[in-house]
Structure formats: C-alpha cells, structure tokens
Amino acid sequence: MPKTIQIRDIDDEVYAALVRRAAEDDISVPELLRREATRLASRPTLKAWLSRTGRRPSNIATDDVLASLDDWRGEWPDAGR
C-alpha cells in the first residue's frame, strides 16, 4: 500500500530548484520527488556496493594517481605556450 511522506522546512531556494527541474520534465514536484525517491531506494548503499563487488577503499595517494594519469596522458598540447 502506498505511503505518504511529508518533508518540512525546505529552503525557498531548494523548492524553487525543484519547481524548475519538475517543469523541465513537465511533471509536478511530487512526481519529481517520487521518481527520485524510487531511484534512491533502488540503489545500494556505498557500504553494500563495496561489499558486493569485493572492493575496498584504497590507500593510494591522490598525488600518485594524478602523476600516473599525467604519465599516461602525455604532454598537454599547449604546454609550450
């Protein structure tokens, strides 16, 4: 059986953004929120996803990743300017 959810104390800017997004899809704000709630509920949490995929947070430093990407990409075309 469908349930009703009420959200209080939404900032005016947030509500205005929801109205704009709903208008872009030619739907109401409640329909937009219903779709987003359905999408959110269907996605696993980060913890569940990591557990299911067997992945673990990495201890590789960001600088190492960026250096590897720079090596892989090569020089930037405008590096000489």
PDB file of N, CA and C in Angstrom:
ATOM      1  N   MET A   1       0.847  -1.177   0.000  1.00  0.00           N
ATOM      2  CA  MET A   1       0.000   0.000   0.000  1.00  0.00           C
ATOM      3  C   MET A   1       0.893   1.242   0.000  1.00  0.00           C
ATOM      4  N   PRO A   2       0.601   2.224  -0.854  1.00  0.00           N
ATOM      5  CA  PRO A   2       1.415   3.432  -0.920  1.00  0.00           C
ATOM      6  C   PRO A   2       1.426   4.195   0.397  1.00  0.00           C
ATOM      7  N   LYS A   3       2.548   4.817   0.661  1.00  0.00           N
ATOM      8  CA  LYS A   3       2.731   5.621   1.875  1.00  0.00           C
ATOM      9  C   LYS A   3       2.900   7.078   1.488  1.00  0.00           C
ATOM     10  N   THR A   4       2.638   7.965   2.431  1.00  0.00           N
ATOM     11  CA  THR A   4       2.808   9.397   2.224  1.00  0.00           C
ATOM     12  C   THR A   4       3.987   9.872   3.058  1.00  0.00           C
ATOM     13  N   ILE A   5       4.818  10.697   2.438  1.00  0.00           N
ATOM     14  CA  ILE A   5       5.968  11.286   3.128  1.00  0.00           C
ATOM     15  C   ILE A   5       5.805  12.795   3.077  1.00  0.00           C
ATOM     16  N   GLN A   6       6.040  13.447   4.198  1.00  0.00           N
ATOM     17  CA  GLN A   6       5.971  14.898   4.240  1.00  0.00           C
ATOM     18  C   GLN A   6       7.342  15.422   4.652  1.00  0.00           C
ATOM     19  N   ILE A   7       7.850  16.377   3.905  1.00  0.00           N
ATOM     20  CA  ILE A   7       9.147  16.979   4.212  1.00  0.00           C
ATOM     21  C   ILE A   7       8.891  18.424   4.621  1.00  0.00           C
ATOM     22  N   ARG A   8       9.399  18.787   5.771  1.00  0.00           N
ATOM     23  CA  ARG A   8       9.200  20.150   6.276  1.00  0.00           C
ATOM     24  C   ARG A   8      10.504  20.938   6.201  1.00  0.00           C
ATOM     25  N   ASP A   9      10.364  22.235   6.292  1.00  0.00           N
ATOM     26  CA  ASP A   9      11.493  23.163   6.390  1.00  0.00           C
ATOM     27  C   ASP A   9      12.439  23.087   5.192  1.00  0.00           C
ATOM     28  N   ILE A  10      11.881  23.048   3.992  1.00  0.00           N
ATOM     29  CA  ILE A  10      12.675  23.095   2.775  1.00  0.00           C
ATOM     30  C   ILE A  10      12.983  24.565   2.482  1.00  0.00           C
ATOM     31  N   ASP A  11      14.250  24.875   2.250  1.00  0.00           N
ATOM     32  CA  ASP A  11      14.635  26.248   1.911  1.00  0.00           C
ATOM     33  C   ASP A  11      13.938  26.688   0.637  1.00  0.00           C
ATOM     34  N   ASP A  12      13.654  27.987   0.552  1.00  0.00           N
ATOM     35  CA  ASP A  12      12.994  28.537  -0.628  1.00  0.00           C
ATOM     36  C   ASP A  12      13.795  28.260  -1.900  1.00  0.00           C
ATOM     37  N   GLU A  13      15.122  28.375  -1.818  1.00  0.00           N
ATOM     38  CA  GLU A  13      15.973  28.145  -2.988  1.00  0.00           C
ATOM     39  C   GLU A  13      15.885  26.691  -3.452  1.00  0.00           C
ATOM     40  N   VAL A  14      15.826  25.773  -2.499  1.00  0.00           N
ATOM     41  CA  VAL A  14      15.730  24.355  -2.840  1.00  0.00           C
ATOM     42  C   VAL A  14      14.384  24.080  -3.495  1.00  0.00           C
ATOM     43  N   TYR A  15      13.323  24.629  -2.934  1.00  0.00           N
ATOM     44  CA  TYR A  15      11.999  24.403  -3.519  1.00  0.00           C
ATOM     45  C   TYR A  15      11.911  24.996  -4.922  1.00  0.00           C
ATOM     46  N   ALA A  16      12.468  26.182  -5.095  1.00  0.00           N
ATOM     47  CA  ALA A  16      12.450  26.814  -6.413  1.00  0.00           C
ATOM     48  C   ALA A  16      13.210  25.958  -7.425  1.00  0.00           C
ATOM     49  N   ALA A  17      14.326  25.374  -7.010  1.00  0.00           N
ATOM     50  CA  ALA A  17      15.092  24.496  -7.902  1.00  0.00           C
ATOM     51  C   ALA A  17      14.281  23.250  -8.253  1.00  0.00           C
ATOM     52  N   LEU A  18      13.553  22.708  -7.292  1.00  0.00           N
ATOM     53  CA  LEU A  18      12.713  21.539  -7.564  1.00  0.00           C
ATOM     54  C   LEU A  18      11.600  21.888  -8.553  1.00  0.00           C
ATOM     55  N   VAL A  19      11.017  23.059  -8.391  1.00  0.00           N
ATOM     56  CA  VAL A  19       9.959  23.504  -9.308  1.00  0.00           C
ATOM     57  C   VAL A  19      10.521  23.627 -10.722  1.00  0.00           C
ATOM     58  N   ARG A  20      11.717  24.222 -10.840  1.00  0.00           N
ATOM     59  CA  ARG A  20      12.337  24.362 -12.174  1.00  0.00           C
ATOM     60  C   ARG A  20      12.615  22.998 -12.803  1.00  0.00           C
ATOM     61  N   ARG A  21      13.175  22.093 -12.013  1.00  0.00           N
ATOM     62  CA  ARG A  21      13.506  20.761 -12.557  1.00  0.00           C
ATOM     63  C   ARG A  21      12.245  20.007 -12.958  1.00  0.00           C
ATOM     64  N   ALA A  22      11.211  20.104 -12.151  1.00  0.00           N
ATOM     65  CA  ALA A  22       9.959  19.426 -12.485  1.00  0.00           C
ATOM     66  C   ALA A  22       9.370  20.019 -13.761  1.00  0.00           C
ATOM     67  N   ALA A  23       9.431  21.341 -13.897  1.00  0.00           N
ATOM     68  CA  ALA A  23       8.894  21.999 -15.092  1.00  0.00           C
ATOM     69  C   ALA A  23       9.651  21.566 -16.344  1.00  0.00           C
ATOM     70  N   GLU A  24      10.957  21.355 -16.222  1.00  0.00           N
ATOM     71  CA  GLU A  24      11.746  20.902 -17.371  1.00  0.00           C
ATOM     72  C   GLU A  24      11.241  19.559 -17.910  1.00  0.00           C
ATOM     73  N   ASP A  25      10.772  18.705 -17.010  1.00  0.00           N
ATOM     74  CA  ASP A  25      10.247  17.390 -17.412  1.00  0.00           C
ATOM     75  C   ASP A  25       8.731  17.392 -17.556  1.00  0.00           C
ATOM     76  N   ASP A  26       8.121  18.566 -17.386  1.00  0.00           N
ATOM     77  CA  ASP A  26       6.671  18.720 -17.496  1.00  0.00           C
ATOM     78  C   ASP A  26       5.930  17.806 -16.519  1.00  0.00           C
ATOM     79  N   ILE A  27       6.428  17.769 -15.291  1.00  0.00           N
ATOM     80  CA  ILE A  27       5.795  16.980 -14.224  1.00  0.00           C
ATOM     81  C   ILE A  27       5.655  17.856 -12.983  1.00  0.00           C
ATOM     82  N   SER A  28       4.946  17.364 -11.990  1.00  0.00           N
ATOM     83  CA  SER A  28       4.772  18.098 -10.741  1.00  0.00           C
ATOM     84  C   SER A  28       5.964  17.840  -9.810  1.00  0.00           C
ATOM     85  N   VAL A  29       6.100  18.688  -8.813  1.00  0.00           N
ATOM     86  CA  VAL A  29       7.165  18.481  -7.823  1.00  0.00           C
ATOM     87  C   VAL A  29       6.966  17.152  -7.094  1.00  0.00           C
ATOM     88  N   PRO A  30       5.749  16.810  -6.658  1.00  0.00           N
ATOM     89  CA  PRO A  30       5.592  15.496  -6.021  1.00  0.00           C
ATOM     90  C   PRO A  30       6.003  14.330  -6.928  1.00  0.00           C
ATOM     91  N   GLU A  31       5.692  14.426  -8.225  1.00  0.00           N
ATOM     92  CA  GLU A  31       6.092  13.356  -9.139  1.00  0.00           C
ATOM     93  C   GLU A  31       7.606  13.296  -9.277  1.00  0.00           C
ATOM     94  N   LEU A  32       8.260  14.458  -9.353  1.00  0.00           N
ATOM     95  CA  LEU A  32       9.722  14.506  -9.404  1.00  0.00           C
ATOM     96  C   LEU A  32      10.314  13.832  -8.166  1.00  0.00           C
ATOM     97  N   LEU A  33       9.809  14.181  -7.001  1.00  0.00           N
ATOM     98  CA  LEU A  33      10.320  13.599  -5.754  1.00  0.00           C
ATOM     99  C   LEU A  33      10.011  12.108  -5.666  1.00  0.00           C
ATOM    100  N   ARG A  34       8.856  11.691  -6.176  1.00  0.00           N
ATOM    101  CA  ARG A  34       8.504  10.269  -6.186  1.00  0.00           C
ATOM    102  C   ARG A  34       9.508   9.491  -7.040  1.00  0.00           C
ATOM    103  N   ARG A  35       9.826  10.030  -8.206  1.00  0.00           N
ATOM    104  CA  ARG A  35      10.801   9.373  -9.089  1.00  0.00           C
ATOM    105  C   ARG A  35      12.186   9.321  -8.447  1.00  0.00           C
ATOM    106  N   GLU A  36      12.597  10.425  -7.857  1.00  0.00           N
ATOM    107  CA  GLU A  36      13.917  10.466  -7.222  1.00  0.00           C
ATOM    108  C   GLU A  36      13.990   9.533  -6.018  1.00  0.00           C
ATOM    109  N   ALA A  37      12.905   9.454  -5.237  1.00  0.00           N
ATOM    110  CA  ALA A  37      12.879   8.546  -4.087  1.00  0.00           C
ATOM    111  C   ALA A  37      12.965   7.098  -4.550  1.00  0.00           C
ATOM    112  N   THR A  38      12.276   6.778  -5.635  1.00  0.00           N
ATOM    113  CA  THR A  38      12.321   5.421  -6.196  1.00  0.00           C
ATOM    114  C   THR A  38      13.729   5.089  -6.660  1.00  0.00           C
ATOM    115  N   ARG A  39      14.367   6.047  -7.351  1.00  0.00           N
ATOM    116  CA  ARG A  39      15.730   5.839  -7.838  1.00  0.00           C
ATOM    117  C   ARG A  39      16.697   5.664  -6.666  1.00  0.00           C
ATOM    118  N   LEU A  40      16.573   6.501  -5.649  1.00  0.00           N
ATOM    119  CA  LEU A  40      17.441   6.413  -4.482  1.00  0.00           C
ATOM    120  C   LEU A  40      17.265   5.085  -3.752  1.00  0.00           C
ATOM    121  N   ALA A  41      16.024   4.660  -3.588  1.00  0.00           N
ATOM    122  CA  ALA A  41      15.750   3.408  -2.876  1.00  0.00           C
ATOM    123  C   ALA A  41      16.249   2.186  -3.630  1.00  0.00           C
ATOM    124  N   SER A  42      16.355   2.296  -4.952  1.00  0.00           N
ATOM    125  CA  SER A  42      16.786   1.141  -5.744  1.00  0.00           C
ATOM    126  C   SER A  42      18.303   0.981  -5.777  1.00  0.00           C
ATOM    127  N   ARG A  43      19.025   1.996  -5.369  1.00  0.00           N
ATOM    128  CA  ARG A  43      20.485   1.938  -5.402  1.00  0.00           C
ATOM    129  C   ARG A  43      21.022   1.387  -4.092  1.00  0.00           C
ATOM    130  N   PRO A  44      22.075   0.577  -4.153  1.00  0.00           N
ATOM    131  CA  PRO A  44      22.662   0.089  -2.906  1.00  0.00           C
ATOM    132  C   PRO A  44      23.436   1.203  -2.203  1.00  0.00           C
ATOM    133  N   THR A  45      23.612   1.054  -0.915  1.00  0.00           N
ATOM    134  CA  THR A  45      24.462   1.999  -0.199  1.00  0.00           C
ATOM    135  C   THR A  45      25.907   1.776  -0.639  1.00  0.00           C
ATOM    136  N   LEU A  46      26.770   2.723  -0.368  1.00  0.00           N
ATOM    137  CA  LEU A  46      28.178   2.565  -0.725  1.00  0.00           C
ATOM    138  C   LEU A  46      28.770   1.349  -0.015  1.00  0.00           C
ATOM    139  N   LYS A  47      28.427   1.182   1.237  1.00  0.00           N
ATOM    140  CA  LYS A  47      28.939   0.038   2.008  1.00  0.00           C
ATOM    141  C   LYS A  47      28.480  -1.283   1.384  1.00  0.00           C
ATOM    142  N   ALA A  48      27.211  -1.369   1.000  1.00  0.00           N
ATOM    143  CA  ALA A  48      26.689  -2.598   0.387  1.00  0.00           C
ATOM    144  C   ALA A  48      27.353  -2.842  -0.960  1.00  0.00           C
ATOM    145  N   TRP A  49      27.542  -1.787  -1.752  1.00  0.00           N
ATOM    146  CA  TRP A  49      28.166  -1.935  -3.059  1.00  0.00           C
ATOM    147  C   TRP A  49      29.606  -2.410  -2.918  1.00  0.00           C
ATOM    148  N   LEU A  50      30.352  -1.818  -1.995  1.00  0.00           N
ATOM    149  CA  LEU A  50      31.736  -2.252  -1.786  1.00  0.00           C
ATOM    150  C   LEU A  50      31.787  -3.706  -1.348  1.00  0.00           C
ATOM    151  N   SER A  51      30.879  -4.094  -0.485  1.00  0.00           N
ATOM    152  CA  SER A  51      30.834  -5.469  -0.004  1.00  0.00           C
ATOM    153  C   SER A  51      30.492  -6.430  -1.148  1.00  0.00           C
ATOM    154  N   ARG A  52      29.521  -6.067  -1.955  1.00  0.00           N
ATOM    155  CA  ARG A  52      29.072  -6.930  -3.042  1.00  0.00           C
ATOM    156  C   ARG A  52      30.124  -7.073  -4.142  1.00  0.00           C
ATOM    157  N   THR A  53      30.831  -6.020  -4.425  1.00  0.00           N
ATOM    158  CA  THR A  53      31.806  -6.072  -5.506  1.00  0.00           C
ATOM    159  C   THR A  53      33.182  -6.529  -5.030  1.00  0.00           C
ATOM    160  N   GLY A  54      33.346  -6.662  -3.731  1.00  0.00           N
ATOM    161  CA  GLY A  54      34.628  -7.099  -3.202  1.00  0.00           C
ATOM    162  C   GLY A  54      35.680  -6.017  -3.220  1.00  0.00           C
ATOM    163  N   ARG A  55      35.257  -4.790  -3.449  1.00  0.00           N
ATOM    164  CA  ARG A  55      36.207  -3.678  -3.474  1.00  0.00           C
ATOM    165  C   ARG A  55      36.373  -3.106  -2.087  1.00  0.00           C
ATOM    166  N   ARG A  56      37.528  -2.575  -1.872  1.00  0.00           N
ATOM    167  CA  ARG A  56      37.822  -1.943  -0.596  1.00  0.00           C
ATOM    168  C   ARG A  56      38.366  -0.545  -0.868  1.00  0.00           C
ATOM    169  N   PRO A  57      38.148   0.373   0.051  1.00  0.00           N
ATOM    170  CA  PRO A  57      38.729   1.700  -0.135  1.00  0.00           C
ATOM    171  C   PRO A  57      40.239   1.592  -0.302  1.00  0.00           C
ATOM    172  N   SER A  58      40.774   2.396  -1.167  1.00  0.00           N
ATOM    173  CA  SER A  58      42.189   2.329  -1.499  1.00  0.00           C
ATOM    174  C   SER A  58      43.015   3.235  -0.602  1.00  0.00           C
ATOM    175  N   ASN A  59      44.262   2.848  -0.389  1.00  0.00           N
ATOM    176  CA  ASN A  59      45.170   3.698   0.371  1.00  0.00           C
ATOM    177  C   ASN A  59      46.192   4.356  -0.561  1.00  0.00           C
ATOM    178  N   ILE A  60      45.882   4.390  -1.857  1.00  0.00           N
ATOM    179  CA  ILE A  60      46.756   5.029  -2.828  1.00  0.00           C
ATOM    180  C   ILE A  60      46.574   6.538  -2.711  1.00  0.00           C
ATOM    181  N   ALA A  61      47.692   7.253  -2.665  1.00  0.00           N
ATOM    182  CA  ALA A  61      47.648   8.706  -2.510  1.00  0.00           C
ATOM    183  C   ALA A  61      47.146   9.375  -3.786  1.00  0.00           C
ATOM    184  N   THR A  62      46.418  10.444  -3.619  1.00  0.00           N
ATOM    185  CA  THR A  62      45.889  11.197  -4.753  1.00  0.00           C
ATOM    186  C   THR A  62      47.014  11.676  -5.665  1.00  0.00           C
ATOM    187  N   ASP A  63      48.120  12.126  -5.079  1.00  0.00           N
ATOM    188  CA  ASP A  63      49.254  12.599  -5.886  1.00  0.00           C
ATOM    189  C   ASP A  63      49.795  11.493  -6.789  1.00  0.00           C
ATOM    190  N   ASP A  64      49.819  10.261  -6.294  1.00  0.00           N
ATOM    191  CA  ASP A  64      50.289   9.131  -7.103  1.00  0.00           C
ATOM    192  C   ASP A  64      49.348   8.868  -8.279  1.00  0.00           C
ATOM    193  N   VAL A  65      48.055   8.972  -8.024  1.00  0.00           N
ATOM    194  CA  VAL A  65      47.071   8.764  -9.083  1.00  0.00           C
ATOM    195  C   VAL A  65      47.216   9.851 -10.149  1.00  0.00           C
ATOM    196  N   LEU A  66      47.336  11.101  -9.703  1.00  0.00           N
ATOM    197  CA  LEU A  66      47.464  12.210 -10.648  1.00  0.00           C
ATOM    198  C   LEU A  66      48.748  12.099 -11.465  1.00  0.00           C
ATOM    199  N   ALA A  67      49.833  11.692 -10.827  1.00  0.00           N
ATOM    200  CA  ALA A  67      51.099  11.519 -11.541  1.00  0.00           C
ATOM    201  C   ALA A  67      50.972  10.414 -12.593  1.00  0.00           C
ATOM    202  N   SER A  68      50.324   9.330 -12.245  1.00  0.00           N
ATOM    203  CA  SER A  68      50.126   8.237 -13.204  1.00  0.00           C
ATOM    204  C   SER A  68      49.269   8.686 -14.382  1.00  0.00           C
ATOM    205  N   LEU A  69      48.221   9.447 -14.102  1.00  0.00           N
ATOM    206  CA  LEU A  69      47.372   9.955 -15.173  1.00  0.00           C
ATOM    207  C   LEU A  69      48.153  10.907 -16.082  1.00  0.00           C
ATOM    208  N   ASP A  70      48.991  11.762 -15.490  1.00  0.00           N
ATOM    209  CA  ASP A  70      49.809  12.673 -16.300  1.00  0.00           C
ATOM    210  C   ASP A  70      50.762  11.894 -17.190  1.00  0.00           C
ATOM    211  N   ASP A  71      51.371  10.831 -16.664  1.00  0.00           N
ATOM    212  CA  ASP A  71      52.267   9.991 -17.467  1.00  0.00           C
ATOM    213  C   ASP A  71      51.500   9.328 -18.608  1.00  0.00           C
ATOM    214  N   TRP A  72      50.329   8.827 -18.303  1.00  0.00           N
ATOM    215  CA  TRP A  72      49.523   8.134 -19.296  1.00  0.00           C
ATOM    216  C   TRP A  72      49.059   9.075 -20.408  1.00  0.00           C
ATOM    217  N   ARG A  73      48.650  10.282 -20.023  1.00  0.00           N
ATOM    218  CA  ARG A  73      48.134  11.248 -20.993  1.00  0.00           C
ATOM    219  C   ARG A  73      49.227  11.860 -21.860  1.00  0.00           C
ATOM    220  N   GLY A  74      50.423  11.985 -21.323  1.00  0.00           N
ATOM    221  CA  GLY A  74      51.494  12.656 -22.057  1.00  0.00           C
ATOM    222  C   GLY A  74      51.407  14.166 -21.862  1.00  0.00           C
ATOM    223  N   GLU A  75      52.207  14.877 -22.657  1.00  0.00           N
ATOM    224  CA  GLU A  75      52.230  16.325 -22.521  1.00  0.00           C
ATOM    225  C   GLU A  75      50.946  16.952 -23.049  1.00  0.00           C
ATOM    226  N   TRP A  76      50.574  18.051 -22.437  1.00  0.00           N
ATOM    227  CA  TRP A  76      49.424  18.824 -22.897  1.00  0.00           C
ATOM    228  C   TRP A  76      49.802  19.511 -24.207  1.00  0.00           C
ATOM    229  N   PRO A  77      48.863  19.617 -25.140  1.00  0.00           N
ATOM    230  CA  PRO A  77      49.169  20.238 -26.432  1.00  0.00           C
ATOM    231  C   PRO A  77      49.677  21.670 -26.319  1.00  0.00           C
ATOM    232  N   ASP A  78      49.213  22.415 -25.343  1.00  0.00           N
ATOM    233  CA  ASP A  78      49.617  23.819 -25.214  1.00  0.00           C
ATOM    234  C   ASP A  78      50.689  24.014 -24.139  1.00  0.00           C
ATOM    235  N   ALA A  79      51.417  22.946 -23.780  1.00  0.00           N
ATOM    236  CA  ALA A  79      52.412  23.037 -22.707  1.00  0.00           C
ATOM    237  C   ALA A  79      53.540  23.993 -23.044  1.00  0.00           C
ATOM    238  N   GLY A  80      53.847  24.205 -24.317  1.00  0.00           N
ATOM    239  CA  GLY A  80      54.938  25.076 -24.706  1.00  0.00           C
ATOM    240  C   GLY A  80      54.600  26.551 -24.691  1.00  0.00           C
ATOM    241  N   ARG A  81      53.351  26.880 -24.494  1.00  0.00           N
ATOM    242  CA  ARG A  81      52.931  28.293 -24.547  1.00  0.00           C
ATOM    243  C   ARG A  81      53.176  29.005 -23.263  1.00  0.00           C
TER     244      ARG A  81
END
